[in-house]
């Protein structure tokens, strides 16, 4: 199982490269603003998928793909934000959600 720390490190590498390639300055504010931006994009994708927005000729599969991509973007930026601010997400998950995210979950417990 990949730890959140190693996953965040991989997002960090990708984000740094993307920023360097595109002349983006990743300021402290940028990490917060990117989460907000990605949440907006996920909301927009969900609205289309759920029939609350114009689908612009996209199929159900395309809309679900867009929603999946935006969910991945939001997750990446949450992990980047946590890394930037030295937030121990594994400890926070254990504290708030009352399970250890570093252990595997038996498949019989997952819906």
N, C-alpha and C. Protein backbone atom coordinates (compact mmCIF):
# COMPACT_ATOMS: atom_id res chain seq x y z
N UNK A 1 0.85 -1.18 0.00
CA UNK A 1 0.00 0.00 0.00
C UNK A 1 0.89 1.25 0.00
N UNK A 2 0.56 2.18 -0.85
CA UNK A 2 1.29 3.43 -0.92
C UNK A 2 0.85 4.33 0.23
N UNK A 3 1.82 4.90 0.92
CA UNK A 3 1.47 5.82 2.01
C UNK A 3 1.07 7.17 1.42
N UNK A 4 0.33 7.92 2.21
CA UNK A 4 -0.06 9.26 1.78
C UNK A 4 1.16 10.15 1.60
N UNK A 5 2.18 9.92 2.42
CA UNK A 5 3.41 10.71 2.33
C UNK A 5 4.10 10.47 0.99
N UNK A 6 4.22 9.21 0.59
CA UNK A 6 4.88 8.94 -0.69
C UNK A 6 4.01 9.37 -1.87
N UNK A 7 2.70 9.26 -1.73
CA UNK A 7 1.80 9.74 -2.78
C UNK A 7 1.92 11.26 -2.92
N UNK A 8 1.96 11.96 -1.79
CA UNK A 8 2.12 13.42 -1.81
C UNK A 8 3.45 13.80 -2.46
N UNK A 9 4.50 13.04 -2.20
CA UNK A 9 5.81 13.32 -2.80
C UNK A 9 5.75 13.17 -4.32
N UNK A 10 4.99 12.20 -4.80
CA UNK A 10 4.87 12.01 -6.25
C UNK A 10 4.08 13.16 -6.88
N UNK A 11 3.01 13.61 -6.20
CA UNK A 11 2.27 14.77 -6.68
C UNK A 11 3.17 16.00 -6.68
N UNK A 12 4.01 16.12 -5.65
CA UNK A 12 4.93 17.27 -5.57
C UNK A 12 5.87 17.30 -6.77
N UNK A 13 6.44 16.16 -7.12
CA UNK A 13 7.33 16.09 -8.28
C UNK A 13 6.61 16.52 -9.55
N UNK A 14 5.42 15.98 -9.75
CA UNK A 14 4.64 16.31 -10.95
C UNK A 14 4.26 17.79 -10.97
N UNK A 15 3.85 18.32 -9.82
CA UNK A 15 3.44 19.71 -9.73
C UNK A 15 4.60 20.66 -9.98
N UNK A 16 5.76 20.36 -9.40
CA UNK A 16 6.95 21.20 -9.61
C UNK A 16 7.33 21.23 -11.09
N UNK A 17 7.31 20.07 -11.73
CA UNK A 17 7.66 20.00 -13.15
C UNK A 17 6.65 20.79 -13.99
N UNK A 18 5.36 20.61 -13.71
CA UNK A 18 4.32 21.32 -14.43
C UNK A 18 4.49 22.83 -14.26
N UNK A 19 4.74 23.26 -13.03
CA UNK A 19 4.92 24.69 -12.74
C UNK A 19 6.15 25.23 -13.48
N UNK A 20 7.24 24.50 -13.46
CA UNK A 20 8.46 24.94 -14.14
C UNK A 20 8.24 25.01 -15.65
N UNK A 21 7.58 24.01 -16.20
CA UNK A 21 7.33 23.96 -17.64
C UNK A 21 6.40 25.07 -18.12
N UNK A 22 5.55 25.57 -17.21
CA UNK A 22 4.53 26.54 -17.60
C UNK A 22 4.70 27.91 -16.94
N UNK A 23 5.83 28.14 -16.29
CA UNK A 23 6.11 29.44 -15.69
C UNK A 23 5.16 29.82 -14.57
N UNK A 24 4.74 28.84 -13.78
CA UNK A 24 3.79 29.08 -12.68
C UNK A 24 4.56 29.23 -11.38
N UNK A 25 4.23 30.29 -10.63
CA UNK A 25 4.84 30.52 -9.32
C UNK A 25 3.93 29.91 -8.27
N UNK A 26 4.43 28.92 -7.58
CA UNK A 26 3.64 28.24 -6.55
C UNK A 26 3.86 28.93 -5.20
N UNK A 27 3.12 29.99 -4.97
CA UNK A 27 3.22 30.73 -3.71
C UNK A 27 2.41 30.00 -2.64
N UNK A 28 2.53 30.47 -1.41
CA UNK A 28 1.75 29.86 -0.32
C UNK A 28 0.26 29.94 -0.63
N UNK A 29 -0.18 31.07 -1.18
CA UNK A 29 -1.59 31.22 -1.53
C UNK A 29 -2.01 30.27 -2.64
N UNK A 30 -1.10 29.98 -3.55
CA UNK A 30 -1.40 29.12 -4.69
C UNK A 30 -1.92 27.77 -4.24
N UNK A 31 -1.33 27.20 -3.19
CA UNK A 31 -1.75 25.87 -2.72
C UNK A 31 -3.21 25.88 -2.27
N UNK A 32 -3.63 26.93 -1.61
CA UNK A 32 -5.02 27.05 -1.16
C UNK A 32 -5.95 27.35 -2.34
N UNK A 33 -5.54 28.27 -3.18
CA UNK A 33 -6.38 28.66 -4.31
C UNK A 33 -6.58 27.52 -5.30
N UNK A 34 -5.56 26.68 -5.49
CA UNK A 34 -5.69 25.55 -6.40
C UNK A 34 -6.72 24.54 -5.89
N UNK A 35 -6.78 24.34 -4.57
CA UNK A 35 -7.83 23.43 -4.04
C UNK A 35 -9.20 23.98 -4.38
N UNK A 36 -9.39 25.28 -4.19
CA UNK A 36 -10.68 25.91 -4.48
C UNK A 36 -11.01 25.80 -5.97
N UNK A 37 -10.02 26.05 -6.81
CA UNK A 37 -10.22 25.95 -8.26
C UNK A 37 -10.64 24.54 -8.65
N UNK A 38 -9.92 23.56 -8.13
CA UNK A 38 -10.22 22.17 -8.49
C UNK A 38 -11.57 21.72 -7.95
N UNK A 39 -11.96 22.20 -6.77
CA UNK A 39 -13.29 21.88 -6.24
C UNK A 39 -14.36 22.47 -7.16
N UNK A 40 -14.13 23.67 -7.65
CA UNK A 40 -15.07 24.27 -8.60
C UNK A 40 -15.18 23.46 -9.88
N UNK A 41 -14.04 22.99 -10.39
CA UNK A 41 -14.05 22.18 -11.61
C UNK A 41 -14.73 20.84 -11.38
N UNK A 42 -14.52 20.24 -10.21
CA UNK A 42 -15.21 18.99 -9.88
C UNK A 42 -16.71 19.23 -9.77
N UNK A 43 -17.10 20.32 -9.15
CA UNK A 43 -18.52 20.65 -9.02
C UNK A 43 -19.15 20.84 -10.40
N UNK A 44 -18.45 21.54 -11.27
CA UNK A 44 -18.95 21.75 -12.63
C UNK A 44 -19.10 20.41 -13.37
N UNK A 45 -18.12 19.54 -13.25
CA UNK A 45 -18.20 18.22 -13.90
C UNK A 45 -19.35 17.41 -13.33
N UNK A 46 -19.53 17.45 -12.02
CA UNK A 46 -20.63 16.71 -11.39
C UNK A 46 -21.98 17.26 -11.84
N UNK A 47 -22.09 18.58 -11.91
CA UNK A 47 -23.35 19.20 -12.34
C UNK A 47 -23.75 18.70 -13.73
N UNK A 48 -22.80 18.62 -14.64
CA UNK A 48 -23.08 18.11 -15.98
C UNK A 48 -23.47 16.64 -15.92
N UNK A 49 -22.71 15.85 -15.20
CA UNK A 49 -22.95 14.41 -15.09
C UNK A 49 -24.32 14.13 -14.47
N UNK A 50 -24.71 14.92 -13.47
CA UNK A 50 -25.97 14.71 -12.76
C UNK A 50 -27.17 15.32 -13.50
N UNK A 51 -26.93 15.97 -14.63
CA UNK A 51 -28.02 16.54 -15.40
C UNK A 51 -28.43 17.94 -14.97
N UNK A 52 -27.57 18.61 -14.21
CA UNK A 52 -27.86 19.97 -13.75
C UNK A 52 -27.12 21.03 -14.55
N UNK A 53 -26.46 20.62 -15.60
CA UNK A 53 -25.70 21.54 -16.43
C UNK A 53 -25.67 21.04 -17.87
N UNK A 54 -25.26 21.91 -18.77
CA UNK A 54 -25.19 21.54 -20.19
C UNK A 54 -24.10 20.49 -20.41
N UNK A 55 -24.46 19.45 -21.09
CA UNK A 55 -23.53 18.34 -21.33
C UNK A 55 -22.65 18.57 -22.55
N UNK A 56 -23.00 19.52 -23.37
CA UNK A 56 -22.21 19.91 -24.55
C UNK A 56 -21.88 18.70 -25.43
N UNK A 57 -22.86 17.81 -25.60
CA UNK A 57 -22.70 16.67 -26.48
C UNK A 57 -21.87 15.53 -25.92
N UNK A 58 -21.46 15.61 -24.67
CA UNK A 58 -20.64 14.55 -24.07
C UNK A 58 -21.50 13.37 -23.65
N UNK A 59 -20.93 12.19 -23.80
CA UNK A 59 -21.62 10.96 -23.39
C UNK A 59 -21.54 10.80 -21.87
N UNK A 60 -22.33 9.89 -21.34
CA UNK A 60 -22.29 9.59 -19.91
C UNK A 60 -20.88 9.15 -19.50
N UNK A 61 -20.25 8.35 -20.34
CA UNK A 61 -18.89 7.88 -20.06
C UNK A 61 -17.90 9.05 -20.03
N UNK A 62 -18.01 9.96 -21.00
CA UNK A 62 -17.13 11.13 -21.04
C UNK A 62 -17.32 12.00 -19.79
N UNK A 63 -18.57 12.19 -19.40
CA UNK A 63 -18.87 13.01 -18.23
C UNK A 63 -18.32 12.38 -16.96
N UNK A 64 -18.45 11.05 -16.85
CA UNK A 64 -17.91 10.36 -15.67
C UNK A 64 -16.38 10.44 -15.68
N UNK A 65 -15.78 10.36 -16.84
CA UNK A 65 -14.33 10.49 -16.98
C UNK A 65 -13.88 11.88 -16.52
N UNK A 66 -14.61 12.92 -16.95
CA UNK A 66 -14.28 14.29 -16.53
C UNK A 66 -14.37 14.41 -15.01
N UNK A 67 -15.42 13.84 -14.43
CA UNK A 67 -15.60 13.90 -12.97
C UNK A 67 -14.45 13.16 -12.27
N UNK A 68 -14.05 12.03 -12.82
CA UNK A 68 -12.93 11.28 -12.25
C UNK A 68 -11.63 12.07 -12.30
N UNK A 69 -11.37 12.71 -13.44
CA UNK A 69 -10.16 13.51 -13.59
C UNK A 69 -10.13 14.67 -12.60
N UNK A 70 -11.25 15.34 -12.43
CA UNK A 70 -11.30 16.47 -11.50
C UNK A 70 -11.17 16.01 -10.05
N UNK A 71 -11.68 14.82 -9.74
CA UNK A 71 -11.50 14.26 -8.40
C UNK A 71 -10.02 14.00 -8.14
N UNK A 72 -9.33 13.46 -9.15
CA UNK A 72 -7.89 13.22 -9.02
C UNK A 72 -7.13 14.53 -8.83
N UNK A 73 -7.53 15.57 -9.57
CA UNK A 73 -6.89 16.88 -9.41
C UNK A 73 -7.09 17.42 -8.00
N UNK A 74 -8.31 17.31 -7.49
CA UNK A 74 -8.59 17.82 -6.14
C UNK A 74 -7.78 17.04 -5.10
N UNK A 75 -7.74 15.72 -5.22
CA UNK A 75 -6.95 14.91 -4.29
C UNK A 75 -5.49 15.33 -4.34
N UNK A 76 -4.96 15.51 -5.53
CA UNK A 76 -3.56 15.93 -5.66
C UNK A 76 -3.30 17.25 -4.97
N UNK A 77 -4.20 18.19 -5.14
CA UNK A 77 -3.98 19.50 -4.53
C UNK A 77 -4.21 19.49 -3.02
N UNK A 78 -5.06 18.63 -2.53
CA UNK A 78 -5.19 18.46 -1.07
C UNK A 78 -3.87 17.92 -0.51
N UNK A 79 -3.30 16.93 -1.20
CA UNK A 79 -2.03 16.36 -0.73
C UNK A 79 -0.91 17.38 -0.83
N UNK A 80 -0.90 18.19 -1.89
CA UNK A 80 0.11 19.24 -2.00
C UNK A 80 -0.03 20.27 -0.89
N UNK A 81 -1.26 20.66 -0.58
CA UNK A 81 -1.52 21.62 0.50
C UNK A 81 -1.03 21.06 1.83
N UNK A 82 -1.35 19.79 2.09
CA UNK A 82 -0.93 19.17 3.35
C UNK A 82 0.60 19.11 3.43
N UNK A 83 1.23 18.75 2.34
CA UNK A 83 2.70 18.69 2.32
C UNK A 83 3.31 20.07 2.55
N UNK A 84 2.78 21.08 1.89
CA UNK A 84 3.29 22.45 2.02
C UNK A 84 3.21 22.94 3.45
N UNK A 85 2.17 22.52 4.17
CA UNK A 85 1.94 23.02 5.53
C UNK A 85 2.29 21.99 6.62
N UNK A 86 3.08 20.99 6.23
CA UNK A 86 3.54 19.96 7.17
C UNK A 86 2.39 19.35 7.97
N UNK A 87 1.30 19.04 7.29
CA UNK A 87 0.15 18.40 7.92
C UNK A 87 0.33 16.89 7.80
N UNK A 88 0.27 16.20 8.92
CA UNK A 88 0.35 14.75 8.94
C UNK A 88 -1.05 14.20 8.70
N UNK A 89 -1.36 13.95 7.44
CA UNK A 89 -2.70 13.47 7.09
C UNK A 89 -3.00 12.10 7.68
N UNK A 90 -2.00 11.25 7.74
CA UNK A 90 -2.24 9.91 8.31
C UNK A 90 -2.69 10.03 9.76
N UNK A 91 -2.03 10.88 10.54
CA UNK A 91 -2.43 11.09 11.94
C UNK A 91 -3.80 11.75 12.02
N UNK A 92 -4.04 12.72 11.14
CA UNK A 92 -5.33 13.41 11.15
C UNK A 92 -6.47 12.46 10.79
N UNK A 93 -6.24 11.59 9.83
CA UNK A 93 -7.26 10.60 9.46
C UNK A 93 -7.53 9.67 10.64
N UNK A 94 -6.48 9.21 11.28
CA UNK A 94 -6.66 8.34 12.45
C UNK A 94 -7.46 9.05 13.53
N UNK A 95 -7.17 10.33 13.74
CA UNK A 95 -7.84 11.11 14.78
C UNK A 95 -9.30 11.41 14.41
N UNK A 96 -9.53 11.86 13.18
CA UNK A 96 -10.86 12.31 12.77
C UNK A 96 -11.76 11.19 12.26
N UNK A 97 -11.20 10.24 11.53
CA UNK A 97 -12.00 9.18 10.92
C UNK A 97 -11.94 7.87 11.70
N UNK A 98 -11.04 7.83 12.68
CA UNK A 98 -10.92 6.70 13.60
C UNK A 98 -10.58 5.36 12.92
N UNK A 99 -9.65 5.46 11.96
CA UNK A 99 -9.05 4.25 11.40
C UNK A 99 -7.63 4.57 10.99
N UNK A 100 -6.82 3.54 10.86
CA UNK A 100 -5.43 3.71 10.48
C UNK A 100 -5.31 3.61 8.96
N UNK A 101 -5.01 4.72 8.28
CA UNK A 101 -4.94 4.68 6.82
C UNK A 101 -3.72 3.95 6.27
N UNK A 102 -2.82 3.56 7.14
CA UNK A 102 -1.61 2.87 6.68
C UNK A 102 -1.78 1.36 6.63
N UNK A 103 -2.91 0.85 7.07
CA UNK A 103 -3.15 -0.59 7.02
C UNK A 103 -4.10 -0.91 5.90
N UNK A 104 -3.94 -2.10 5.35
CA UNK A 104 -4.85 -2.55 4.30
C UNK A 104 -6.20 -2.90 4.90
N UNK A 105 -7.24 -2.64 4.12
CA UNK A 105 -8.60 -2.96 4.53
C UNK A 105 -9.01 -4.24 3.82
N UNK A 106 -9.50 -5.23 4.56
CA UNK A 106 -9.98 -6.46 3.89
C UNK A 106 -11.07 -6.10 2.88
N UNK A 107 -11.02 -6.72 1.72
CA UNK A 107 -11.99 -6.39 0.66
C UNK A 107 -13.42 -6.68 1.08
N UNK A 108 -13.63 -7.58 2.04
CA UNK A 108 -14.99 -7.86 2.48
C UNK A 108 -15.60 -6.70 3.23
N UNK A 109 -14.77 -5.75 3.69
CA UNK A 109 -15.27 -4.58 4.43
C UNK A 109 -15.57 -3.40 3.53
N UNK A 110 -15.20 -3.49 2.26
CA UNK A 110 -15.40 -2.39 1.32
C UNK A 110 -16.66 -2.66 0.51
N UNK A 111 -17.52 -1.62 0.42
CA UNK A 111 -18.75 -1.79 -0.40
C UNK A 111 -18.44 -1.64 -1.85
